[in-house]
């Protein structure tokens, strides 16, 4: 059984910083894409930032220049460094990873439990 365990959310003032971390635990054969999504009340979940196993990254336009995603392939962890936070960044943030648990099975999408990020003065 694979689990994604998140940490690092919380309350921060506008202009502040937070780092989200996510660790994949369990029996894994390989981990492909890892990323962070967010979902604000009444809105759809959307991709914030993602990174492939080769280290290629992509970001939604609203966070470019402020957020940085990184991963440690040896530890199966992914981090999201969030700087210059704005009230509109307030949302529940979910870790996502595409994981194969065995070489004979396809990749499956796994999700973390979500962590609340609130940007407010």
PDB file of N, CA and C in Angstrom:
ATOM      1  N   UNK A   1       0.852  -1.186   0.000  1.00  0.00           N
ATOM      2  CA  UNK A   1       0.000   0.000   0.000  1.00  0.00           C
ATOM      3  C   UNK A   1       0.887   1.235   0.000  1.00  0.00           C
ATOM      4  N   UNK A   2       0.631   2.133  -0.944  1.00  0.00           N
ATOM      5  CA  UNK A   2       1.401   3.362  -1.028  1.00  0.00           C
ATOM      6  C   UNK A   2       0.640   4.499  -0.367  1.00  0.00           C
ATOM      7  N   UNK A   3       1.345   5.317   0.378  1.00  0.00           N
ATOM      8  CA  UNK A   3       0.751   6.501   0.994  1.00  0.00           C
ATOM      9  C   UNK A   3       1.621   7.710   0.695  1.00  0.00           C
ATOM     10  N   UNK A   4       0.960   8.854   0.513  1.00  0.00           N
ATOM     11  CA  UNK A   4       1.656  10.126   0.398  1.00  0.00           C
ATOM     12  C   UNK A   4       1.368  10.912   1.664  1.00  0.00           C
ATOM     13  N   UNK A   5       2.414  11.257   2.381  1.00  0.00           N
ATOM     14  CA  UNK A   5       2.269  11.955   3.659  1.00  0.00           C
ATOM     15  C   UNK A   5       2.793  13.372   3.501  1.00  0.00           C
ATOM     16  N   UNK A   6       1.893  14.334   3.745  1.00  0.00           N
ATOM     17  CA  UNK A   6       2.227  15.742   3.559  1.00  0.00           C
ATOM     18  C   UNK A   6       2.498  16.424   4.886  1.00  0.00           C
ATOM     19  N   UNK A   7       3.245  17.515   4.815  1.00  0.00           N
ATOM     20  CA  UNK A   7       3.476  18.341   5.997  1.00  0.00           C
ATOM     21  C   UNK A   7       3.824  19.752   5.540  1.00  0.00           C
ATOM     22  N   UNK A   8       3.655  20.709   6.457  1.00  0.00           N
ATOM     23  CA  UNK A   8       4.154  22.050   6.197  1.00  0.00           C
ATOM     24  C   UNK A   8       3.128  23.127   5.965  1.00  0.00           C
ATOM     25  N   UNK A   9       1.858  22.814   5.958  1.00  0.00           N
ATOM     26  CA  UNK A   9       0.868  23.864   5.760  1.00  0.00           C
ATOM     27  C   UNK A   9       0.727  24.727   7.003  1.00  0.00           C
ATOM     28  N   UNK A  10      -0.120  25.758   6.893  1.00  0.00           N
ATOM     29  CA  UNK A  10      -0.346  26.612   8.040  1.00  0.00           C
ATOM     30  C   UNK A  10      -0.819  27.987   7.654  1.00  0.00           C
ATOM     31  N   UNK A  11      -0.764  28.890   8.632  1.00  0.00           N
ATOM     32  CA  UNK A  11      -1.189  30.278   8.452  1.00  0.00           C
ATOM     33  C   UNK A  11       0.044  31.159   8.303  1.00  0.00           C
ATOM     34  N   UNK A  12       0.022  32.015   7.306  1.00  0.00           N
ATOM     35  CA  UNK A  12       1.154  32.906   7.068  1.00  0.00           C
ATOM     36  C   UNK A  12       0.625  34.250   6.596  1.00  0.00           C
ATOM     37  N   UNK A  13       1.358  35.304   6.899  1.00  0.00           N
ATOM     38  CA  UNK A  13       0.959  36.636   6.458  1.00  0.00           C
ATOM     39  C   UNK A  13       1.313  36.852   4.985  1.00  0.00           C
ATOM     40  N   UNK A  14       0.596  37.736   4.312  1.00  0.00           N
ATOM     41  CA  UNK A  14       0.957  38.053   2.918  1.00  0.00           C
ATOM     42  C   UNK A  14       2.424  38.463   2.827  1.00  0.00           C
ATOM     43  N   UNK A  15       3.085  37.950   1.791  1.00  0.00           N
ATOM     44  CA  UNK A  15       4.512  38.203   1.626  1.00  0.00           C
ATOM     45  C   UNK A  15       5.404  37.180   2.298  1.00  0.00           C
ATOM     46  N   UNK A  16       4.808  36.328   3.112  1.00  0.00           N
ATOM     47  CA  UNK A  16       5.583  35.324   3.826  1.00  0.00           C
ATOM     48  C   UNK A  16       5.875  34.094   2.983  1.00  0.00           C
ATOM     49  N   UNK A  17       6.498  33.121   3.648  1.00  0.00           N
ATOM     50  CA  UNK A  17       6.920  31.897   2.963  1.00  0.00           C
ATOM     51  C   UNK A  17       6.486  30.658   3.740  1.00  0.00           C
ATOM     52  N   UNK A  18       6.286  29.589   2.997  1.00  0.00           N
ATOM     53  CA  UNK A  18       6.009  28.271   3.567  1.00  0.00           C
ATOM     54  C   UNK A  18       6.654  27.227   2.673  1.00  0.00           C
ATOM     55  N   UNK A  19       7.015  26.110   3.272  1.00  0.00           N
ATOM     56  CA  UNK A  19       7.501  24.976   2.492  1.00  0.00           C
ATOM     57  C   UNK A  19       6.619  23.772   2.773  1.00  0.00           C
ATOM     58  N   UNK A  20       6.078  23.197   1.721  1.00  0.00           N
ATOM     59  CA  UNK A  20       5.300  21.963   1.824  1.00  0.00           C
ATOM     60  C   UNK A  20       6.197  20.787   1.450  1.00  0.00           C
ATOM     61  N   UNK A  21       6.026  19.699   2.183  1.00  0.00           N
ATOM     62  CA  UNK A  21       6.791  18.496   1.891  1.00  0.00           C
ATOM     63  C   UNK A  21       5.849  17.307   1.769  1.00  0.00           C
ATOM     64  N   UNK A  22       6.251  16.364   0.942  1.00  0.00           N
ATOM     65  CA  UNK A  22       5.449  15.157   0.728  1.00  0.00           C
ATOM     66  C   UNK A  22       6.390  13.977   0.560  1.00  0.00           C
ATOM     67  N   UNK A  23       6.120  12.921   1.305  1.00  0.00           N
ATOM     68  CA  UNK A  23       6.936  11.716   1.216  1.00  0.00           C
ATOM     69  C   UNK A  23       6.062  10.551   0.795  1.00  0.00           C
ATOM     70  N   UNK A  24       6.510   9.823  -0.216  1.00  0.00           N
ATOM     71  CA  UNK A  24       5.811   8.615  -0.646  1.00  0.00           C
ATOM     72  C   UNK A  24       6.375   7.435   0.132  1.00  0.00           C
ATOM     73  N   UNK A  25       5.473   6.667   0.752  1.00  0.00           N
ATOM     74  CA  UNK A  25       5.907   5.537   1.574  1.00  0.00           C
ATOM     75  C   UNK A  25       5.189   4.276   1.125  1.00  0.00           C
ATOM     76  N   UNK A  26       5.893   3.151   1.237  1.00  0.00           N
ATOM     77  CA  UNK A  26       5.318   1.871   0.840  1.00  0.00           C
ATOM     78  C   UNK A  26       6.199   1.180  -0.185  1.00  0.00           C
ATOM     79  N   UNK A  27       5.679   0.117  -0.746  1.00  0.00           N
ATOM     80  CA  UNK A  27       6.427  -0.653  -1.736  1.00  0.00           C
ATOM     81  C   UNK A  27       6.222  -0.009  -3.102  1.00  0.00           C
ATOM     82  N   UNK A  28       7.313   0.460  -3.694  1.00  0.00           N
ATOM     83  CA  UNK A  28       7.250   1.136  -4.982  1.00  0.00           C
ATOM     84  C   UNK A  28       8.302   0.597  -5.934  1.00  0.00           C
ATOM     85  N   UNK A  29       7.927   0.443  -7.195  1.00  0.00           N
ATOM     86  CA  UNK A  29       8.884   0.051  -8.210  1.00  0.00           C
ATOM     87  C   UNK A  29       9.492   1.291  -8.852  1.00  0.00           C
ATOM     88  N   UNK A  30       8.650   2.240  -9.205  1.00  0.00           N
ATOM     89  CA  UNK A  30       9.148   3.496  -9.762  1.00  0.00           C
ATOM     90  C   UNK A  30       8.139   4.607  -9.551  1.00  0.00           C
ATOM     91  N   UNK A  31       8.663   5.827  -9.486  1.00  0.00           N
ATOM     92  CA  UNK A  31       7.834   7.018  -9.309  1.00  0.00           C
ATOM     93  C   UNK A  31       8.064   7.921 -10.508  1.00  0.00           C
ATOM     94  N   UNK A  32       6.998   8.260 -11.187  1.00  0.00           N
ATOM     95  CA  UNK A  32       7.103   9.106 -12.381  1.00  0.00           C
ATOM     96  C   UNK A  32       6.897  10.558 -11.964  1.00  0.00           C
ATOM     97  N   UNK A  33       5.800  11.140 -12.364  1.00  0.00           N
ATOM     98  CA  UNK A  33       5.494  12.529 -12.060  1.00  0.00           C
ATOM     99  C   UNK A  33       5.170  12.714 -10.583  1.00  0.00           C
ATOM    100  N   UNK A  34       5.618  13.829 -10.016  1.00  0.00           N
ATOM    101  CA  UNK A  34       5.211  14.255  -8.678  1.00  0.00           C
ATOM    102  C   UNK A  34       4.822  15.726  -8.752  1.00  0.00           C
ATOM    103  N   UNK A  35       3.789  16.084  -8.025  1.00  0.00           N
ATOM    104  CA  UNK A  35       3.354  17.465  -8.120  1.00  0.00           C
ATOM    105  C   UNK A  35       2.488  17.892  -6.966  1.00  0.00           C
ATOM    106  N   UNK A  36       2.137  19.171  -7.000  1.00  0.00           N
ATOM    107  CA  UNK A  36       1.253  19.769  -6.001  1.00  0.00           C
ATOM    108  C   UNK A  36       0.066  20.419  -6.719  1.00  0.00           C
ATOM    109  N   UNK A  37      -1.122  20.115  -6.212  1.00  0.00           N
ATOM    110  CA  UNK A  37      -2.353  20.736  -6.678  1.00  0.00           C
ATOM    111  C   UNK A  37      -2.909  21.572  -5.532  1.00  0.00           C
ATOM    112  N   UNK A  38      -3.738  22.533  -5.877  1.00  0.00           N
ATOM    113  CA  UNK A  38      -4.466  23.213  -4.819  1.00  0.00           C
ATOM    114  C   UNK A  38      -5.938  23.334  -5.196  1.00  0.00           C
ATOM    115  N   UNK A  39      -6.757  23.472  -4.165  1.00  0.00           N
ATOM    116  CA  UNK A  39      -8.197  23.605  -4.350  1.00  0.00           C
ATOM    117  C   UNK A  39      -8.743  24.602  -3.350  1.00  0.00           C
ATOM    118  N   UNK A  40      -9.244  25.717  -3.874  1.00  0.00           N
ATOM    119  CA  UNK A  40      -9.868  26.728  -3.039  1.00  0.00           C
ATOM    120  C   UNK A  40     -11.360  26.427  -2.938  1.00  0.00           C
ATOM    121  N   UNK A  41     -12.035  26.933  -1.898  1.00  0.00           N
ATOM    122  CA  UNK A  41     -13.470  26.677  -1.738  1.00  0.00           C
ATOM    123  C   UNK A  41     -14.251  27.072  -2.979  1.00  0.00           C
ATOM    124  N   UNK A  42     -15.078  26.164  -3.472  1.00  0.00           N
ATOM    125  CA  UNK A  42     -15.918  26.441  -4.618  1.00  0.00           C
ATOM    126  C   UNK A  42     -15.215  26.379  -5.955  1.00  0.00           C
ATOM    127  N   UNK A  43     -13.947  25.993  -5.947  1.00  0.00           N
ATOM    128  CA  UNK A  43     -13.189  25.936  -7.199  1.00  0.00           C
ATOM    129  C   UNK A  43     -12.682  24.525  -7.451  1.00  0.00           C
ATOM    130  N   UNK A  44     -12.308  24.289  -8.696  1.00  0.00           N
ATOM    131  CA  UNK A  44     -11.775  22.978  -9.044  1.00  0.00           C
ATOM    132  C   UNK A  44     -10.319  22.847  -8.589  1.00  0.00           C
ATOM    133  N   UNK A  45      -9.927  21.610  -8.371  1.00  0.00           N
ATOM    134  CA  UNK A  45      -8.532  21.351  -8.052  1.00  0.00           C
ATOM    135  C   UNK A  45      -7.690  21.594  -9.299  1.00  0.00           C
ATOM    136  N   UNK A  46      -6.576  22.311  -9.129  1.00  0.00           N
ATOM    137  CA  UNK A  46      -5.729  22.589 -10.279  1.00  0.00           C
ATOM    138  C   UNK A  46      -4.261  22.350  -9.938  1.00  0.00           C
ATOM    139  N   UNK A  47      -3.511  22.021 -10.960  1.00  0.00           N
ATOM    140  CA  UNK A  47      -2.081  21.786 -10.785  1.00  0.00           C
ATOM    141  C   UNK A  47      -1.366  23.106 -10.522  1.00  0.00           C
ATOM    142  N   UNK A  48      -0.578  23.133  -9.468  1.00  0.00           N
ATOM    143  CA  UNK A  48       0.227  24.301  -9.130  1.00  0.00           C
ATOM    144  C   UNK A  48       1.633  24.156  -9.708  1.00  0.00           C
ATOM    145  N   UNK A  49       2.233  23.005  -9.454  1.00  0.00           N
ATOM    146  CA  UNK A  49       3.596  22.760  -9.931  1.00  0.00           C
ATOM    147  C   UNK A  49       3.826  21.268 -10.008  1.00  0.00           C
ATOM    148  N   UNK A  50       4.649  20.858 -10.980  1.00  0.00           N
ATOM    149  CA  UNK A  50       4.958  19.449 -11.134  1.00  0.00           C
ATOM    150  C   UNK A  50       6.405  19.257 -11.549  1.00  0.00           C
ATOM    151  N   UNK A  51       6.906  18.056 -11.280  1.00  0.00           N
ATOM    152  CA  UNK A  51       8.280  17.728 -11.653  1.00  0.00           C
ATOM    153  C   UNK A  51       8.341  16.270 -12.079  1.00  0.00           C
ATOM    154  N   UNK A  52       9.005  16.010 -13.189  1.00  0.00           N
ATOM    155  CA  UNK A  52       9.146  14.640 -13.667  1.00  0.00           C
ATOM    156  C   UNK A  52      10.331  13.973 -12.975  1.00  0.00           C
ATOM    157  N   UNK A  53      10.480  12.679 -13.186  1.00  0.00           N
ATOM    158  CA  UNK A  53      11.605  11.953 -12.604  1.00  0.00           C
ATOM    159  C   UNK A  53      12.930  12.448 -13.168  1.00  0.00           C
ATOM    160  N   UNK A  54      12.893  13.048 -14.353  1.00  0.00           N
ATOM    161  CA  UNK A  54      14.109  13.593 -14.967  1.00  0.00           C
ATOM    162  C   UNK A  54      14.400  15.014 -14.496  1.00  0.00           C
ATOM    163  N   UNK A  55      13.500  15.579 -13.696  1.00  0.00           N
ATOM    164  CA  UNK A  55      13.744  16.907 -13.155  1.00  0.00           C
ATOM    165  C   UNK A  55      13.124  18.053 -13.927  1.00  0.00           C
ATOM    166  N   UNK A  56      12.320  17.745 -14.931  1.00  0.00           N
ATOM    167  CA  UNK A  56      11.646  18.808 -15.675  1.00  0.00           C
ATOM    168  C   UNK A  56      10.488  19.338 -14.852  1.00  0.00           C
ATOM    169  N   UNK A  57      10.380  20.658 -14.774  1.00  0.00           N
ATOM    170  CA  UNK A  57       9.358  21.274 -13.936  1.00  0.00           C
ATOM    171  C   UNK A  57       8.381  22.093 -14.768  1.00  0.00           C
ATOM    172  N   UNK A  58       7.179  22.261 -14.237  1.00  0.00           N
ATOM    173  CA  UNK A  58       6.214  23.169 -14.831  1.00  0.00           C
ATOM    174  C   UNK A  58       5.404  23.805 -13.712  1.00  0.00           C
ATOM    175  N   UNK A  59       4.947  25.027 -13.968  1.00  0.00           N
ATOM    176  CA  UNK A  59       4.220  25.804 -12.966  1.00  0.00           C
ATOM    177  C   UNK A  59       3.000  26.469 -13.612  1.00  0.00           C
ATOM    178  N   UNK A  60       1.963  26.646 -12.825  1.00  0.00           N
ATOM    179  CA  UNK A  60       0.848  27.467 -13.276  1.00  0.00           C
ATOM    180  C   UNK A  60       1.341  28.912 -13.299  1.00  0.00           C
ATOM    181  N   UNK A  61       0.837  29.702 -14.226  1.00  0.00           N
ATOM    182  CA  UNK A  61       1.356  31.064 -14.414  1.00  0.00           C
ATOM    183  C   UNK A  61       1.313  31.906 -13.139  1.00  0.00           C
ATOM    184  N   UNK A  62       0.292  31.709 -12.327  1.00  0.00           N
ATOM    185  CA  UNK A  62       0.101  32.565 -11.153  1.00  0.00           C
ATOM    186  C   UNK A  62       1.183  32.400 -10.088  1.00  0.00           C
ATOM    187  N   UNK A  63       1.975  31.323 -10.150  1.00  0.00           N
ATOM    188  CA  UNK A  63       3.001  31.105  -9.122  1.00  0.00           C
ATOM    189  C   UNK A  63       4.418  31.187  -9.664  1.00  0.00           C
ATOM    190  N   UNK A  64       4.555  31.380 -10.965  1.00  0.00           N
ATOM    191  CA  UNK A  64       5.894  31.441 -11.556  1.00  0.00           C
ATOM    192  C   UNK A  64       6.695  32.579 -10.942  1.00  0.00           C
ATOM    193  N   UNK A  65       7.927  32.268 -10.578  1.00  0.00           N
ATOM    194  CA  UNK A  65       8.788  33.255  -9.944  1.00  0.00           C
ATOM    195  C   UNK A  65       8.621  33.332  -8.435  1.00  0.00           C
ATOM    196  N   UNK A  66       7.599  32.705  -7.900  1.00  0.00           N
ATOM    197  CA  UNK A  66       7.364  32.731  -6.451  1.00  0.00           C
ATOM    198  C   UNK A  66       7.504  31.344  -5.817  1.00  0.00           C
ATOM    199  N   UNK A  67       7.084  30.309  -6.524  1.00  0.00           N
ATOM    200  CA  UNK A  67       7.126  28.941  -5.993  1.00  0.00           C
ATOM    201  C   UNK A  67       8.226  28.148  -6.699  1.00  0.00           C
ATOM    202  N   UNK A  68       8.822  27.228  -5.965  1.00  0.00           N
ATOM    203  CA  UNK A  68       9.833  26.336  -6.535  1.00  0.00           C
ATOM    204  C   UNK A  68       9.547  24.909  -6.078  1.00  0.00           C
ATOM    205  N   UNK A  69       9.452  24.007  -7.044  1.00  0.00           N
ATOM    206  CA  UNK A  69       9.237  22.593  -6.718  1.00  0.00           C
ATOM    207  C   UNK A  69      10.550  21.849  -6.870  1.00  0.00           C
ATOM    208  N   UNK A  70      10.773  20.900  -5.977  1.00  0.00           N
ATOM    209  CA  UNK A  70      11.985  20.088  -6.056  1.00  0.00           C
ATOM    210  C   UNK A  70      11.655  18.683  -5.568  1.00  0.00           C
ATOM    211  N   UNK A  71      12.462  17.717  -5.960  1.00  0.00           N
ATOM    212  CA  UNK A  71      12.236  16.348  -5.520  1.00  0.00           C
ATOM    213  C   UNK A  71      13.545  15.640  -5.261  1.00  0.00           C
ATOM    214  N   UNK A  72      13.460  14.654  -4.400  1.00  0.00           N
ATOM    215  CA  UNK A  72      14.603  13.799  -4.092  1.00  0.00           C
ATOM    216  C   UNK A  72      14.197  12.391  -4.523  1.00  0.00           C
ATOM    217  N   UNK A  73      14.721  11.932  -5.639  1.00  0.00           N
ATOM    218  CA  UNK A  73      14.319  10.625  -6.169  1.00  0.00           C
ATOM    219  C   UNK A  73      14.737   9.482  -5.240  1.00  0.00           C
ATOM    220  N   UNK A  74      15.835   9.629  -4.562  1.00  0.00           N
ATOM    221  CA  UNK A  74      16.304   8.561  -3.665  1.00  0.00           C
ATOM    222  C   UNK A  74      15.380   8.381  -2.470  1.00  0.00           C
ATOM    223  N   UNK A  75      14.771   9.489  -2.030  1.00  0.00           N
ATOM    224  CA  UNK A  75      13.902   9.439  -0.850  1.00  0.00           C
ATOM    225  C   UNK A  75      12.417   9.459  -1.224  1.00  0.00           C
ATOM    226  N   UNK A  76      12.121   9.597  -2.525  1.00  0.00           N
ATOM    227  CA  UNK A  76      10.728   9.688  -2.990  1.00  0.00           C
ATOM    228  C   UNK A  76       9.979  10.808  -2.277  1.00  0.00           C
ATOM    229  N   UNK A  77      10.600  11.956  -2.240  1.00  0.00           N
ATOM    230  CA  UNK A  77       9.986  13.131  -1.625  1.00  0.00           C
ATOM    231  C   UNK A  77       9.900  14.277  -2.632  1.00  0.00           C
ATOM    232  N   UNK A  78       8.919  15.130  -2.418  1.00  0.00           N
ATOM    233  CA  UNK A  78       8.764  16.320  -3.246  1.00  0.00           C
ATOM    234  C   UNK A  78       8.446  17.485  -2.318  1.00  0.00           C
ATOM    235  N   UNK A  79       9.013  18.652  -2.644  1.00  0.00           N
ATOM    236  CA  UNK A  79       8.840  19.830  -1.807  1.00  0.00           C
ATOM    237  C   UNK A  79       8.363  20.994  -2.658  1.00  0.00           C
ATOM    238  N   UNK A  80       7.609  21.872  -2.012  1.00  0.00           N
ATOM    239  CA  UNK A  80       7.155  23.084  -2.690  1.00  0.00           C
ATOM    240  C   UNK A  80       7.523  24.271  -1.808  1.00  0.00           C
ATOM    241  N   UNK A  81       8.498  25.042  -2.257  1.00  0.00           N
ATOM    242  CA  UNK A  81       8.890  26.254  -1.558  1.00  0.00           C
ATOM    243  C   UNK A  81       8.033  27.396  -2.091  1.00  0.00           C
ATOM    244  N   UNK A  82       7.261  27.999  -1.196  1.00  0.00           N
ATOM    245  CA  UNK A  82       6.332  29.053  -1.591  1.00  0.00           C
ATOM    246  C   UNK A  82       6.768  30.367  -0.959  1.00  0.00           C
ATOM    247  N   UNK A  83       7.146  31.325  -1.798  1.00  0.00           N
ATOM    248  CA  UNK A  83       7.574  32.644  -1.340  1.00  0.00           C
ATOM    249  C   UNK A  83       6.592  33.711  -1.811  1.00  0.00           C
ATOM    250  N   UNK A  84       6.693  34.867  -1.211  1.00  0.00           N
ATOM    251  CA  UNK A  84       5.837  36.008  -1.591  1.00  0.00           C
ATOM    252  C   UNK A  84       4.374  35.593  -1.674  1.00  0.00           C
ATOM    253  N   UNK A  85       3.919  34.911  -0.649  1.00  0.00           N
ATOM    254  CA  UNK A  85       2.559  34.370  -0.669  1.00  0.00           C
ATOM    255  C   UNK A  85       1.519  35.472  -0.680  1.00  0.00           C
ATOM    256  N   UNK A  86       0.430  35.209  -1.372  1.00  0.00           N
ATOM    257  CA  UNK A  86      -0.671  36.148  -1.531  1.00  0.00           C
ATOM    258  C   UNK A  86      -1.953  35.530  -0.962  1.00  0.00           C
ATOM    259  N   UNK A  87      -2.910  36.357  -0.575  1.00  0.00           N
ATOM    260  CA  UNK A  87      -4.175  35.805  -0.073  1.00  0.00           C
ATOM    261  C   UNK A  87      -4.831  34.847  -1.069  1.00  0.00           C
ATOM    262  N   UNK A  88      -4.660  35.087  -2.348  1.00  0.00           N
ATOM    263  CA  UNK A  88      -5.276  34.205  -3.351  1.00  0.00           C
ATOM    264  C   UNK A  88      -4.599  32.840  -3.446  1.00  0.00           C
ATOM    265  N   UNK A  89      -3.480  32.662  -2.744  1.00  0.00           N
ATOM    266  CA  UNK A  89      -2.845  31.337  -2.672  1.00  0.00           C
ATOM    267  C   UNK A  89      -3.526  30.450  -1.622  1.00  0.00           C
ATOM    268  N   UNK A  90      -4.428  31.022  -0.859  1.00  0.00           N
ATOM    269  CA  UNK A  90      -5.132  30.259   0.170  1.00  0.00           C
ATOM    270  C   UNK A  90      -5.928  29.125  -0.455  1.00  0.00           C
ATOM    271  N   UNK A  91      -5.670  27.908   0.030  1.00  0.00           N
ATOM    272  CA  UNK A  91      -6.314  26.714  -0.523  1.00  0.00           C
ATOM    273  C   UNK A  91      -5.836  25.504   0.261  1.00  0.00           C
ATOM    274  N   UNK A  92      -6.468  24.378  -0.016  1.00  0.00           N
ATOM    275  CA  UNK A  92      -5.925  23.098   0.445  1.00  0.00           C
ATOM    276  C   UNK A  92      -4.980  22.603  -0.644  1.00  0.00           C
ATOM    277  N   UNK A  93      -3.782  22.238  -0.235  1.00  0.00           N
ATOM    278  CA  UNK A  93      -2.768  21.774  -1.171  1.00  0.00           C
ATOM    279  C   UNK A  93      -2.631  20.259  -1.063  1.00  0.00           C
ATOM    280  N   UNK A  94      -2.647  19.602  -2.219  1.00  0.00           N
ATOM    281  CA  UNK A  94      -2.586  18.142  -2.286  1.00  0.00           C
ATOM    282  C   UNK A  94      -1.328  17.702  -3.035  1.00  0.00           C
ATOM    283  N   UNK A  95      -0.645  16.760  -2.459  1.00  0.00           N
ATOM    284  CA  UNK A  95       0.472  16.126  -3.129  1.00  0.00           C
ATOM    285  C   UNK A  95      -0.069  15.040  -4.066  1.00  0.00           C
ATOM    286  N   UNK A  96       0.549  14.910  -5.220  1.00  0.00           N
ATOM    287  CA  UNK A  96       0.151  13.906  -6.200  1.00  0.00           C
ATOM    288  C   UNK A  96       1.384  13.210  -6.747  1.00  0.00           C
ATOM    289  N   UNK A  97       1.273  11.912  -6.970  1.00  0.00           N
ATOM    290  CA  UNK A  97       2.390  11.170  -7.557  1.00  0.00           C
ATOM    291  C   UNK A  97       1.860  10.006  -8.387  1.00  0.00           C
ATOM    292  N   UNK A  98       2.531   9.761  -9.511  1.00  0.00           N
ATOM    293  CA  UNK A  98       2.215   8.603 -10.345  1.00  0.00           C
ATOM    294  C   UNK A  98       3.244   7.521 -10.036  1.00  0.00           C
ATOM    295  N   UNK A  99       2.749   6.401  -9.546  1.00  0.00           N
ATOM    296  CA  UNK A  99       3.639   5.381  -8.982  1.00  0.00           C
ATOM    297  C   UNK A  99       3.296   4.004  -9.525  1.00  0.00           C
ATOM    298  N   UNK A 100       4.337   3.263  -9.834  1.00  0.00           N
ATOM    299  CA  UNK A 100       4.173   1.844 -10.153  1.00  0.00           C
ATOM    300  C   UNK A 100       4.677   1.042  -8.965  1.00  0.00           C
ATOM    301  N   UNK A 101       3.854   0.119  -8.483  1.00  0.00           N
ATOM    302  CA  UNK A 101       4.257  -0.695  -7.336  1.00  0.00           C
ATOM    303  C   UNK A 101       4.975  -1.968  -7.771  1.00  0.00           C
ATOM    304  N   UNK A 102       4.940  -2.227  -9.070  1.00  0.00           N
ATOM    305  CA  UNK A 102       5.587  -3.421  -9.598  1.00  0.00           C
ATOM    306  C   UNK A 102       5.812  -3.201 -11.085  1.00  0.00           C
ATOM    307  N   UNK A 103       6.825  -3.834 -11.655  1.00  0.00           N
ATOM    308  CA  UNK A 103       7.152  -3.625 -13.059  1.00  0.00           C
ATOM    309  C   UNK A 103       6.065  -4.157 -13.992  1.00  0.00           C
ATOM    310  N   UNK A 104       5.197  -5.009 -13.486  1.00  0.00           N
ATOM    311  CA  UNK A 104       4.163  -5.600 -14.340  1.00  0.00           C
ATOM    312  C   UNK A 104       2.814  -4.887 -14.227  1.00  0.00           C
ATOM    313  N   UNK A 105       2.743  -3.780 -13.490  1.00  0.00           N
ATOM    314  CA  UNK A 105       1.476  -3.061 -13.347  1.00  0.00           C
ATOM    315  C   UNK A 105       1.651  -1.641 -13.863  1.00  0.00           C
ATOM    316  N   UNK A 106       0.546  -1.001 -14.265  1.00  0.00           N
ATOM    317  CA  UNK A 106       0.652   0.360 -14.786  1.00  0.00           C
ATOM    318  C   UNK A 106       0.835   1.391 -13.669  1.00  0.00           C
ATOM    319  N   UNK A 107       1.175   2.603 -14.067  1.00  0.00           N
ATOM    320  CA  UNK A 107       1.249   3.699 -13.118  1.00  0.00           C
ATOM    321  C   UNK A 107      -0.156   4.025 -12.602  1.00  0.00           C
ATOM    322  N   UNK A 108      -0.212   4.382 -11.331  1.00  0.00           N
ATOM    323  CA  UNK A 108      -1.454   4.757 -10.673  1.00  0.00           C
ATOM    324  C   UNK A 108      -1.250   6.118 -10.012  1.00  0.00           C
ATOM    325  N   UNK A 109      -2.288   6.950 -10.065  1.00  0.00           N
ATOM    326  CA  UNK A 109      -2.248   8.251  -9.390  1.00  0.00           C
ATOM    327  C   UNK A 109      -2.549   8.106  -7.901  1.00  0.00           C
ATOM    328  N   UNK A 110      -1.684   8.636  -7.073  1.00  0.00           N
ATOM    329  CA  UNK A 110      -1.909   8.649  -5.627  1.00  0.00           C
ATOM    330  C   UNK A 110      -2.001  10.091  -5.148  1.00  0.00           C
ATOM    331  N   UNK A 111      -2.786  10.278  -4.085  1.00  0.00           N
ATOM    332  CA  UNK A 111      -2.999  11.612  -3.525  1.00  0.00           C
ATOM    333  C   UNK A 111      -2.700  11.631  -2.042  1.00  0.00           C
ATOM    334  N   UNK A 112      -2.165  12.759  -1.587  1.00  0.00           N
ATOM    335  CA  UNK A 112      -2.031  12.979  -0.159  1.00  0.00           C
ATOM    336  C   UNK A 112      -3.361  13.405   0.436  1.00  0.00           C
ATOM    337  N   UNK A 113      -3.366  13.570   1.756  1.00  0.00           N
ATOM    338  CA  UNK A 113      -4.612  13.882   2.454  1.00  0.00           C
ATOM    339  C   UNK A 113      -4.970  15.353   2.360  1.00  0.00           C
ATOM    340  N   UNK A 114      -4.037  16.182   1.936  1.00  0.00           N
ATOM    341  CA  UNK A 114      -4.278  17.615   1.810  1.00  0.00           C
ATOM    342  C   UNK A 114      -3.790  18.369   3.034  1.00  0.00           C
ATOM    343  N   UNK A 115      -3.257  19.546   2.803  1.00  0.00           N
ATOM    344  CA  UNK A 115      -2.805  20.400   3.901  1.00  0.00           C
ATOM    345  C   UNK A 115      -3.264  21.832   3.615  1.00  0.00           C
ATOM    346  N   UNK A 116      -3.805  22.465   4.634  1.00  0.00           N
ATOM    347  CA  UNK A 116      -4.371  23.802   4.466  1.00  0.00           C
ATOM    348  C   UNK A 116      -3.272  24.858   4.489  1.00  0.00           C
ATOM    349  N   UNK A 117      -3.319  25.737   3.499  1.00  0.00           N
ATOM    350  CA  UNK A 117      -2.459  26.917   3.477  1.00  0.00           C
ATOM    351  C   UNK A 117      -3.365  28.137   3.497  1.00  0.00           C
ATOM    352  N   UNK A 118      -3.196  28.982   4.496  1.00  0.00           N
ATOM    353  CA  UNK A 118      -3.996  30.196   4.621  1.00  0.00           C
ATOM    354  C   UNK A 118      -3.072  31.394   4.661  1.00  0.00           C
ATOM    355  N   UNK A 119      -3.297  32.320   3.744  1.00  0.00           N
ATOM    356  CA  UNK A 119      -2.486  33.535   3.672  1.00  0.00           C
ATOM    357  C   UNK A 119      -3.385  34.707   4.067  1.00  0.00           C
ATOM    358  N   UNK A 120      -3.124  35.244   5.221  1.00  0.00           N
ATOM    359  CA  UNK A 120      -4.004  36.285   5.753  1.00  0.00           C
ATOM    360  C   UNK A 120      -3.257  37.125   6.782  1.00  0.00           C
ATOM    361  N   UNK A 121      -3.621  38.403   6.856  1.00  0.00           N
ATOM    362  CA  UNK A 121      -3.036  39.262   7.880  1.00  0.00           C
ATOM    363  C   UNK A 121      -3.924  39.307   9.118  1.00  0.00           C
TER     364      UNK A 121
END
